């Protein structure tokens, strides 16, 4: 019996799924541990740092998905009214908005492109 190697496309999808699950699990753990403390307004900054670290390893799509999933989990489990995506506090709403904006834009800015090495091999510089 011979095993086939998975395609590159499948590996990229798995990388994105793993990175998004990492962001979601960190956001969920933070939400469950710190939901009744004064750290509620700092949680989006911590999640954004995790999103950037994960995006640097797994790519832009993971950073974008991780930002969105983390924001949804924090809105649902941390901010009043709890177990609703509606957020009553304008400060909490602003912090989640900044987390989304920062996580998505910084994922695009600081994540290295996967195709840079291949393009430089195809197009050599001519003087």
Protein backbone atom coordinates (compact mmCIF):
# COMPACT_ATOMS: atom_id res chain seq x y z
CA UNK A 1 0.00 0.00 0.00
CA UNK A 2 1.44 3.32 -1.05
CA UNK A 3 0.50 6.61 0.64
CA UNK A 4 0.07 9.70 -1.46
CA UNK A 5 1.50 13.02 -0.32
CA UNK A 6 -1.13 15.72 0.17
CA UNK A 7 -1.15 18.54 -2.34
CA UNK A 8 0.26 21.98 -1.61
CA UNK A 9 -3.21 23.49 -1.68
CA UNK A 10 -4.42 21.11 1.01
CA UNK A 11 -1.40 21.91 3.18
CA UNK A 12 -2.10 25.65 2.88
CA UNK A 13 -5.71 25.11 3.92
CA UNK A 14 -4.57 23.02 6.88
CA UNK A 15 -2.04 25.71 7.86
CA UNK A 16 -4.78 28.33 7.76
CA UNK A 17 -7.13 26.16 9.81
CA UNK A 18 -4.47 25.39 12.43
CA UNK A 19 -3.48 29.04 12.79
CA UNK A 20 -7.09 30.19 13.03
CA UNK A 21 -7.77 27.56 15.69
CA UNK A 22 -4.73 28.78 17.63
CA UNK A 23 -6.06 32.34 17.60
CA UNK A 24 -9.53 31.18 18.55
CA UNK A 25 -8.32 28.98 21.39
CA UNK A 26 -6.17 31.77 22.89
CA UNK A 27 -9.09 34.21 22.63
CA UNK A 28 -11.46 31.69 24.22
CA UNK A 29 -9.07 30.89 27.08
CA UNK A 30 -8.50 34.60 27.74
CA UNK A 31 -12.23 35.25 27.61
CA UNK A 32 -13.05 32.50 30.06
CA UNK A 33 -10.26 33.39 32.51
CA UNK A 34 -10.51 37.20 32.46
CA UNK A 35 -14.20 37.86 31.76
CA UNK A 36 -14.92 39.32 35.24
CA UNK A 37 -11.76 41.41 35.68
CA UNK A 38 -10.58 44.87 34.74
CA UNK A 39 -8.45 43.35 32.00
CA UNK A 40 -11.47 43.18 29.70
CA UNK A 41 -10.36 46.26 27.80
CA UNK A 42 -6.80 44.93 27.38
CA UNK A 43 -7.82 41.53 26.00
CA UNK A 44 -8.07 42.74 22.37
CA UNK A 45 -4.45 43.94 22.50
CA UNK A 46 -3.28 40.56 23.76
CA UNK A 47 -5.31 38.81 21.07
CA UNK A 48 -3.89 41.11 18.41
CA UNK A 49 -0.36 40.21 19.47
CA UNK A 50 -1.25 36.52 19.18
CA UNK A 51 -2.84 37.11 15.77
CA UNK A 52 0.34 38.83 14.53
CA UNK A 53 2.54 36.01 15.78
CA UNK A 54 0.30 33.41 14.16
CA UNK A 55 0.04 35.42 10.92
CA UNK A 56 3.81 35.69 10.71
CA UNK A 57 4.02 31.90 10.77
CA UNK A 58 0.89 30.82 8.89
CA UNK A 59 0.16 33.69 6.49
CA UNK A 60 -2.18 36.58 5.74
CA UNK A 61 -5.40 34.57 5.48
CA UNK A 62 -4.78 33.14 8.93
CA UNK A 63 -4.21 36.62 10.35
CA UNK A 64 -7.45 37.93 8.88
CA UNK A 65 -9.51 34.92 9.97
CA UNK A 66 -7.85 34.86 13.38
CA UNK A 67 -8.69 38.54 13.93
CA UNK A 68 -12.33 38.07 13.01
CA UNK A 69 -12.79 34.89 15.06
CA UNK A 70 -11.02 36.40 18.09
CA UNK A 71 -13.18 39.52 17.94
CA UNK A 72 -16.36 37.44 17.71
CA UNK A 73 -15.34 35.26 20.64
CA UNK A 74 -14.45 38.24 22.82
CA UNK A 75 -17.71 39.98 21.94
CA UNK A 76 -19.73 36.86 22.73
CA UNK A 77 -18.07 35.75 25.96
CA UNK A 78 -16.57 38.86 27.59
CA UNK A 79 -18.46 42.08 26.97
CA UNK A 80 -21.96 42.85 28.26
CA UNK A 81 -24.49 41.62 27.35
CA UNK A 82 -22.76 38.26 27.65
CA UNK A 83 -23.70 35.51 25.14
CA UNK A 84 -24.62 38.09 22.53
CA UNK A 85 -22.62 39.67 19.75
CA UNK A 86 -24.03 43.07 20.72
CA UNK A 87 -21.63 45.18 22.82
CA UNK A 88 -23.10 47.80 25.16
CA UNK A 89 -19.88 49.60 26.14
CA UNK A 90 -18.52 52.05 23.59
CA UNK A 91 -14.98 51.56 24.97
CA UNK A 92 -15.16 47.80 24.45
CA UNK A 93 -16.62 48.30 20.97
CA UNK A 94 -13.79 50.68 20.10
CA UNK A 95 -11.14 48.26 21.41
CA UNK A 96 -12.56 45.39 19.36
CA UNK A 97 -12.69 47.64 16.30
CA UNK A 98 -9.04 48.59 16.79
CA UNK A 99 -8.15 44.94 17.23
CA UNK A 100 -9.86 44.08 13.94
CA UNK A 101 -8.27 46.99 12.10
CA UNK A 102 -4.83 46.36 13.57
CA UNK A 103 -4.92 42.59 13.19
CA UNK A 104 -6.04 42.65 9.58
CA UNK A 105 -3.82 45.50 8.40
CA UNK A 106 -0.71 44.36 10.27
CA UNK A 107 -1.21 40.84 8.93
CA UNK A 108 -0.98 42.25 5.43
CA UNK A 109 1.96 44.50 6.26
CA UNK A 110 4.25 42.21 8.24
CA UNK A 111 3.54 38.76 6.86
CA UNK A 112 6.15 37.66 4.31
CA UNK A 113 4.86 36.60 0.92
CA UNK A 114 5.21 32.94 0.11
CA UNK A 115 5.99 33.49 -3.58
CA UNK A 116 8.88 35.97 -3.21
CA UNK A 117 11.59 33.34 -3.58
CA UNK A 118 10.03 31.81 -6.67
CA UNK A 119 9.56 35.14 -8.42
CA UNK A 120 13.16 36.17 -7.90
CA UNK A 121 14.35 32.93 -9.50
CA UNK A 122 12.15 33.46 -12.57
CA UNK A 123 13.04 37.11 -13.21
CA UNK A 124 16.77 37.71 -12.88
CA UNK A 125 18.01 41.29 -12.85
CA UNK A 126 19.49 42.54 -16.11
CA UNK A 127 21.74 45.58 -16.20
